Amino acid sequence: MSSDNSSDRTDKSPVTPPSDPKQIPPVQERSFKTILADNLPTVAVAILLAVGVRIFVAEPRFIPSSSMEPTLLIDDRLIIDKLSFRWRKPERGEIVVFNPPNNPVVPDATKVYIKRVIGLPGDRISIHDGKVFINDAPLNEPYIAAPPNYTLPTQDDALCPNCFRPDNVQAGKDHPFFTVPNGKYWVMGDNRNNSLDSHAWGFMPEENLVGRAMFRYWPLDSRAGNLSVPKY
């Protein structure tokens, strides 16, 4: 009697002999030049976008002086919006970055300044008794370090040493005033008595505007965030 026990049989599949190593193509190492060539378009586009954003849209800036204290402190880091002024004019109270006018009192007109817009084109301005008057009304300015200790307009150096002398002074009801010309602005630092601003060198031309201080991103403290525009 024959028995057919499947457990006694094993099916062996044929083993494929190893390939000849000489027949396997070697892995080609990519050279630095190849990698660079492959990625150069992407890198170039990224650089162009970064440069374009910095030139036309926004850029970081830091505060180098105390002229805007207590609002902005030395070494504060800001984002400057360079785009919005293309379709709207600056508002009173906005903090702006600009190129100062060429004036003997400005030590280096190639360095940008940062101040607050106080006077708009057509505004009548008078500064006296520790307050800034716009169109005969005093500004409420809780953001300043101290009231201004000078008087404008004046021809008296004792009231405003080395100050701007506007040529369009008119007699007001109680005090003389001057008017901001079209296409120009009156800008002042929040640290009024330690700021090289319009009270020293005059009006800021609109074409000198670089951008608006929009956001304080450093240091990461309670002051970080949007720079709001005061309501007068």
Protein backbone atom coordinates (compact mmCIF):
# COMPACT_ATOMS: atom_id res chain seq x y z
CA MET A 1 0.00 0.00 0.00
CA SER A 2 1.38 3.23 -0.93
CA SER A 3 0.82 6.34 1.08
CA ASP A 4 0.76 9.87 -0.16
CA ASN A 5 1.83 12.07 2.73
CA SER A 6 2.07 15.67 1.64
CA SER A 7 4.20 16.47 4.61
CA ASP A 8 6.91 14.30 3.21
CA ARG A 9 7.20 16.42 0.03
CA THR A 10 8.67 19.85 -0.28
CA ASP A 11 8.39 22.11 -3.30
CA LYS A 12 11.61 23.96 -3.83
CA SER A 13 11.42 27.03 -6.07
CA PRO A 14 14.42 27.58 -8.25
CA VAL A 15 16.89 30.01 -6.76
CA THR A 16 17.93 32.84 -9.02
CA PRO A 17 21.66 33.15 -8.97
CA PRO A 18 22.99 36.52 -7.87
CA SER A 19 23.58 38.97 -10.60
CA ASP A 20 27.02 39.86 -11.58
CA PRO A 21 28.03 42.94 -9.57
CA LYS A 22 29.75 44.23 -12.64
CA GLN A 23 26.36 44.46 -14.34
CA ILE A 24 24.79 46.77 -11.66
CA PRO A 25 25.27 50.44 -12.62
CA PRO A 26 26.99 52.39 -9.86
CA VAL A 27 25.03 55.09 -7.96
CA GLN A 28 26.06 58.40 -9.38
CA GLU A 29 26.87 61.06 -6.82
CA ARG A 30 25.38 64.46 -7.65
CA SER A 31 27.98 67.17 -7.80
CA PHE A 32 27.62 70.51 -6.06
CA LYS A 33 27.32 72.18 -9.45
CA THR A 34 24.44 69.89 -10.39
CA ILE A 35 22.60 70.57 -7.13
CA LEU A 36 23.20 74.27 -7.53
CA ALA A 37 21.96 74.26 -11.10
CA ASP A 38 18.80 72.37 -10.10
CA ASN A 39 17.98 74.72 -7.22
CA LEU A 40 19.23 78.02 -8.60
CA PRO A 41 15.88 79.08 -10.12
CA THR A 42 14.06 78.49 -6.83
CA VAL A 43 16.70 80.33 -4.81
CA ALA A 44 16.76 83.21 -7.28
CA VAL A 45 12.97 83.61 -7.16
CA ALA A 46 13.02 83.52 -3.35
CA ILE A 47 15.70 86.22 -3.23
CA LEU A 48 13.86 88.40 -5.73
CA LEU A 49 10.62 88.05 -3.77
CA ALA A 50 12.38 88.95 -0.50
CA VAL A 51 14.05 91.97 -2.07
CA GLY A 52 10.82 93.02 -3.75
CA VAL A 53 8.87 92.79 -0.50
CA ARG A 54 11.52 94.82 1.32
CA ILE A 55 11.63 97.52 -1.35
CA PHE A 56 7.93 97.86 -2.13
CA VAL A 57 5.83 96.28 0.64
CA ALA A 58 7.36 96.08 4.11
CA GLU A 59 10.68 95.99 5.90
CA PRO A 60 12.02 95.67 9.46
CA ARG A 61 13.51 98.68 11.23
CA PHE A 62 14.98 99.32 14.66
CA ILE A 63 14.85 102.43 16.84
CA PRO A 64 18.32 103.99 17.25
CA SER A 65 17.49 106.95 19.52
CA SER A 66 15.25 108.16 22.34
CA SER A 67 13.34 110.73 20.25
CA MET A 68 10.11 108.68 20.27
CA GLU A 69 10.11 107.70 23.93
CA PRO A 70 8.03 106.60 25.74
CA THR A 71 6.16 105.13 22.76
CA LEU A 72 9.22 103.58 21.11
CA LEU A 73 12.38 102.70 22.99
CA ILE A 74 15.93 102.27 21.78
CA ASP A 75 16.39 98.90 19.97
CA ASP A 76 12.65 98.32 19.52
CA ARG A 77 12.08 96.37 16.28
CA LEU A 78 9.29 97.43 13.96
CA ILE A 79 7.65 96.38 10.72
CA ILE A 80 7.28 99.31 8.33
CA ASP A 81 4.38 99.27 5.89
CA LYS A 82 5.64 100.78 2.62
CA LEU A 83 2.60 100.08 0.49
CA SER A 84 -0.49 101.75 1.96
CA PHE A 85 0.73 105.32 1.39
CA ARG A 86 0.50 104.63 -2.35
CA TRP A 87 -3.28 104.92 -2.17
CA ARG A 88 -3.95 106.96 0.98
CA LYS A 89 -2.40 109.96 2.69
CA PRO A 90 -0.87 109.88 6.18
CA GLU A 91 -3.23 110.54 9.08
CA ARG A 92 -2.62 112.73 12.07
CA GLY A 93 -1.12 110.66 14.85
CA GLU A 94 0.46 108.01 12.62
CA ILE A 95 4.11 107.17 13.20
CA VAL A 96 5.97 107.43 9.91
CA VAL A 97 9.45 106.71 8.58
CA PHE A 98 10.89 109.24 6.13
CA ASN A 99 13.99 110.80 4.68
CA PRO A 100 14.64 114.14 6.40
CA PRO A 101 14.95 117.26 4.25
CA ASN A 102 18.37 118.63 3.45
CA ASN A 103 18.94 121.17 6.18
CA PRO A 104 22.05 122.38 8.02
CA VAL A 105 20.65 121.16 11.36
CA VAL A 106 20.29 117.58 10.03
CA PRO A 107 23.65 115.84 10.59
CA ASP A 108 23.07 113.07 8.02
CA ALA A 109 20.13 113.36 5.62
CA THR A 110 20.84 109.86 4.22
CA LYS A 111 19.54 108.21 7.40
CA VAL A 112 15.80 107.76 7.76
CA TYR A 113 13.91 109.34 10.67
CA ILE A 114 10.85 108.14 12.55
CA LYS A 115 8.36 110.65 13.99
CA ARG A 116 4.65 111.19 14.53
CA VAL A 117 2.52 113.10 12.03
CA ILE A 118 1.10 116.15 13.82
CA GLY A 119 0.27 118.69 11.13
CA LEU A 120 -1.41 117.89 7.80
CA PRO A 121 -1.35 120.09 4.68
CA GLY A 122 -3.42 123.21 5.33
CA ASP A 123 -3.31 122.93 9.15
CA ARG A 124 -2.68 126.04 11.20
CA ILE A 125 -0.10 125.30 13.90
CA SER A 126 0.94 127.11 17.05
CA ILE A 127 3.02 125.71 19.91
CA HIS A 128 2.93 127.49 23.26
CA ASP A 129 2.22 126.94 26.95
CA GLY A 130 3.39 123.33 26.69
CA LYS A 131 0.80 122.36 24.04
CA VAL A 132 0.49 121.96 20.30
CA PHE A 133 -2.49 123.78 18.81
CA ILE A 134 -3.93 122.60 15.50
CA ASN A 135 -6.44 124.96 13.92
CA ASP A 136 -6.73 126.81 17.27
CA ALA A 137 -7.53 123.64 19.25
CA PRO A 138 -5.01 121.99 21.62
CA LEU A 139 -4.09 118.39 20.88
CA ASN A 140 -4.67 115.82 23.59
CA GLU A 141 -1.36 113.95 23.58
CA PRO A 142 -1.06 111.41 26.41
CA TYR A 143 1.76 109.65 24.53
CA ILE A 144 4.43 112.37 24.90
CA ALA A 145 7.29 112.20 27.40
CA ALA A 146 6.86 115.82 28.51
CA PRO A 147 5.19 119.01 27.24
CA PRO A 148 7.26 120.98 24.70
CA ASN A 149 9.34 123.65 26.45
CA TYR A 150 9.51 125.94 23.41
CA THR A 151 7.24 128.36 21.56
CA LEU A 152 6.55 128.45 17.81
CA PRO A 153 6.35 130.50 15.72
CA THR A 154 8.77 132.98 17.20
CA GLN A 155 11.76 135.12 16.27
CA ASP A 156 13.00 135.08 19.86
CA ASP A 157 15.85 132.59 20.37
CA ALA A 158 15.10 132.58 24.08
CA LEU A 159 11.67 131.04 23.38
CA CYS A 160 12.95 128.47 20.89
CA PRO A 161 16.73 128.20 20.49
CA ASN A 162 17.91 127.23 16.99
CA CYS A 163 14.36 126.56 15.85
CA PHE A 164 12.65 126.61 12.47
CA ARG A 165 11.48 130.04 11.37
CA PRO A 166 8.42 129.64 9.10
CA ASP A 167 7.97 132.38 6.55
CA ASN A 168 4.16 132.26 6.49
CA VAL A 169 3.45 133.43 10.06
CA GLN A 170 0.10 135.07 10.64
CA ALA A 171 -1.42 136.79 13.63
CA GLY A 172 -3.98 134.69 15.44
CA LYS A 173 -6.60 135.63 18.02
CA ASP A 174 -4.24 135.08 20.93
CA HIS A 175 -1.03 133.69 19.40
CA PRO A 176 0.59 133.76 15.96
CA PHE A 177 0.43 130.63 13.82
CA PHE A 178 1.87 129.20 10.61
CA THR A 179 0.26 126.98 7.99
CA VAL A 180 1.53 123.64 6.69
CA PRO A 181 1.98 123.98 2.89
CA ASN A 182 0.35 121.61 0.42
CA GLY A 183 2.31 118.42 -0.10
CA LYS A 184 4.10 118.74 3.25
CA TYR A 185 3.68 117.57 6.85
CA TRP A 186 4.64 118.68 10.33
CA VAL A 187 6.18 115.77 12.25
CA MET A 188 7.36 115.60 15.86
CA GLY A 189 8.94 113.08 18.19
CA ASP A 190 7.03 111.97 21.28
CA ASN A 191 10.07 112.94 23.34
CA ARG A 192 9.38 116.54 22.36
CA ASN A 193 12.31 118.20 24.08
CA ASN A 194 14.87 115.66 22.82
CA SER A 195 13.83 115.22 19.22
CA LEU A 196 15.34 116.56 16.01
CA ASP A 197 12.04 117.08 14.20
CA SER A 198 9.98 119.70 12.38
CA HIS A 199 10.37 122.24 15.16
CA ALA A 200 14.09 122.28 14.28
CA TRP A 201 14.18 121.78 10.50
CA GLY A 202 10.69 122.57 9.24
CA PHE A 203 8.21 120.77 7.01
CA MET A 204 8.61 117.22 5.76
CA PRO A 205 7.86 116.82 2.01
CA GLU A 206 5.36 114.11 1.13
CA GLU A 207 7.76 112.59 -1.40
CA ASN A 208 10.21 111.89 1.46
CA LEU A 209 7.87 109.37 3.06
CA VAL A 210 9.22 105.82 3.27
CA GLY A 211 6.41 104.08 5.15
CA ARG A 212 4.24 103.79 8.21
CA ALA A 213 5.33 102.09 11.44
CA MET A 214 2.76 99.33 11.69
CA PHE A 215 3.86 96.66 14.17
CA ARG A 216 6.34 96.31 17.03
CA TYR A 217 7.62 92.74 17.04
CA TRP A 218 10.56 92.99 19.43
CA PRO A 219 11.09 92.79 22.34
CA LEU A 220 8.36 90.30 23.17
CA ASP A 221 6.81 92.21 26.04
CA SER A 222 3.52 93.94 26.81
CA ARG A 223 4.30 96.65 24.24
CA ALA A 224 4.54 94.24 21.31
CA GLY A 225 1.77 94.48 18.73
CA ASN A 226 0.11 96.96 16.42
CA LEU A 227 0.97 100.64 16.75
CA SER A 228 -2.45 102.24 17.02
CA VAL A 229 -3.33 105.72 15.79
CA PRO A 230 -4.58 107.99 18.60
CA LYS A 231 -8.05 109.47 18.35
CA TYR A 232 -7.98 113.25 18.83
